[in-house]
C-alpha cells in the first residue's frame, strides 16, 4: 500500500454502534444523512469506517482554562 493512502478501519453497523455506545439506528441515520459513508460489501452487508465516526462523535470537553 502506498504511504499516502491510509487503511480504513471498517466494521459492521452493530459493531460500530456497540463500540460507541449508540443504537444501530443512529449509525444508519448518520449514513442516510450523509454524515458518514456506508460501504456496501455484497448485496446486504454494510460497513462503516470507525475513523469517520471518531471524527464526528469524539470531541474534546471544554475545561475551565478554555473560557
C-alpha atoms as a PDB file:
ATOM      1  CA  UNK A   1       0.000   0.000   0.000  1.00  0.00           C
ATOM      2  CA  UNK A   2       1.392   3.448  -0.885  1.00  0.00           C
ATOM      3  CA  UNK A   3       2.335   5.636   2.072  1.00  0.00           C
ATOM      4  CA  UNK A   4      -0.111   8.429   1.135  1.00  0.00           C
ATOM      5  CA  UNK A   5      -3.140   6.119   1.483  1.00  0.00           C
ATOM      6  CA  UNK A   6      -4.482   5.178   4.867  1.00  0.00           C
ATOM      7  CA  UNK A   7      -6.132   1.892   5.625  1.00  0.00           C
ATOM      8  CA  UNK A   8      -9.792   2.091   6.607  1.00  0.00           C
ATOM      9  CA  UNK A   9     -10.965   0.596   9.891  1.00  0.00           C
ATOM     10  CA  UNK A  10     -14.183  -0.954   8.614  1.00  0.00           C
ATOM     11  CA  UNK A  11     -16.707  -2.735  10.802  1.00  0.00           C
ATOM     12  CA  UNK A  12     -20.367  -3.671  10.717  1.00  0.00           C
ATOM     13  CA  UNK A  13     -23.100  -1.300  11.847  1.00  0.00           C
ATOM     14  CA  UNK A  14     -23.882  -3.310  15.028  1.00  0.00           C
ATOM     15  CA  UNK A  15     -20.162  -3.464  15.915  1.00  0.00           C
ATOM     16  CA  UNK A  16     -19.785   0.298  15.390  1.00  0.00           C
ATOM     17  CA  UNK A  17     -22.880   1.002  17.493  1.00  0.00           C
ATOM     18  CA  UNK A  18     -21.543  -1.123  20.337  1.00  0.00           C
ATOM     19  CA  UNK A  19     -18.083   0.478  20.096  1.00  0.00           C
ATOM     20  CA  UNK A  20     -19.522   3.991  20.533  1.00  0.00           C
ATOM     21  CA  UNK A  21     -22.438   3.147  22.836  1.00  0.00           C
ATOM     22  CA  UNK A  22     -25.157   4.199  20.414  1.00  0.00           C
ATOM     23  CA  UNK A  23     -28.039   2.377  18.733  1.00  0.00           C
ATOM     24  CA  UNK A  24     -27.606   0.757  15.308  1.00  0.00           C
ATOM     25  CA  UNK A  25     -30.389   3.052  14.076  1.00  0.00           C
ATOM     26  CA  UNK A  26     -28.192   6.045  14.948  1.00  0.00           C
ATOM     27  CA  UNK A  27     -25.401   4.750  12.714  1.00  0.00           C
ATOM     28  CA  UNK A  28     -27.929   4.138   9.916  1.00  0.00           C
ATOM     29  CA  UNK A  29     -29.254   7.694  10.332  1.00  0.00           C
ATOM     30  CA  UNK A  30     -25.713   9.074  10.041  1.00  0.00           C
ATOM     31  CA  UNK A  31     -25.287   7.178   6.766  1.00  0.00           C
ATOM     32  CA  UNK A  32     -28.681   8.342   5.474  1.00  0.00           C
ATOM     33  CA  UNK A  33     -27.934  11.963   6.388  1.00  0.00           C
ATOM     34  CA  UNK A  34     -24.531  11.824   4.695  1.00  0.00           C
ATOM     35  CA  UNK A  35     -22.588  12.412   7.920  1.00  0.00           C
ATOM     36  CA  UNK A  36     -20.596   9.203   7.324  1.00  0.00           C
ATOM     37  CA  UNK A  37     -20.142   6.902   4.346  1.00  0.00           C
ATOM     38  CA  UNK A  38     -21.558   3.388   4.317  1.00  0.00           C
ATOM     39  CA  UNK A  39     -19.580   0.872   2.276  1.00  0.00           C
ATOM     40  CA  UNK A  40     -21.597  -1.924   0.714  1.00  0.00           C
ATOM     41  CA  UNK A  41     -19.860  -5.291   0.609  1.00  0.00           C
ATOM     42  CA  UNK A  42     -22.176  -7.601  -1.288  1.00  0.00           C
ATOM     43  CA  UNK A  43     -25.930  -7.263  -1.598  1.00  0.00           C
ATOM     44  CA  UNK A  44     -26.709  -6.856   2.134  1.00  0.00           C
ATOM     45  CA  UNK A  45     -23.532  -6.255   4.114  1.00  0.00           C
ATOM     46  CA  UNK A  46     -22.774  -2.634   5.033  1.00  0.00           C
ATOM     47  CA  UNK A  47     -19.588  -1.478   6.741  1.00  0.00           C
ATOM     48  CA  UNK A  48     -18.631   1.877   8.232  1.00  0.00           C
ATOM     49  CA  UNK A  49     -15.214   3.419   8.840  1.00  0.00           C
ATOM     50  CA  UNK A  50     -14.500   3.866  12.547  1.00  0.00           C
ATOM     51  CA  UNK A  51     -12.207   6.822  11.783  1.00  0.00           C
ATOM     52  CA  UNK A  52     -15.188   8.692  10.286  1.00  0.00           C
ATOM     53  CA  UNK A  53     -17.199   8.001  13.428  1.00  0.00           C
ATOM     54  CA  UNK A  54     -14.279   9.209  15.565  1.00  0.00           C
ATOM     55  CA  UNK A  55     -14.301  12.470  13.639  1.00  0.00           C
ATOM     56  CA  UNK A  56     -17.994  13.208  14.246  1.00  0.00           C
ATOM     57  CA  UNK A  57     -18.577  11.650  17.674  1.00  0.00           C
ATOM     58  CA  UNK A  58     -15.411  12.281  19.670  1.00  0.00           C
ATOM     59  CA  UNK A  59     -14.882  15.899  20.683  1.00  0.00           C
ATOM     60  CA  UNK A  60     -12.693  17.276  23.451  1.00  0.00           C
ATOM     61  CA  UNK A  61     -14.502  18.583  26.503  1.00  0.00           C
ATOM     62  CA  UNK A  62     -14.226  22.242  27.399  1.00  0.00           C
ATOM     63  CA  UNK A  63     -12.291  22.952  30.577  1.00  0.00           C
ATOM     64  CA  UNK A  64     -12.155  25.978  32.852  1.00  0.00           C
ATOM     65  CA  UNK A  65      -8.997  27.141  31.074  1.00  0.00           C
ATOM     66  CA  UNK A  66     -10.785  27.243  27.700  1.00  0.00           C
ATOM     67  CA  UNK A  67     -13.082  30.153  28.655  1.00  0.00           C
END
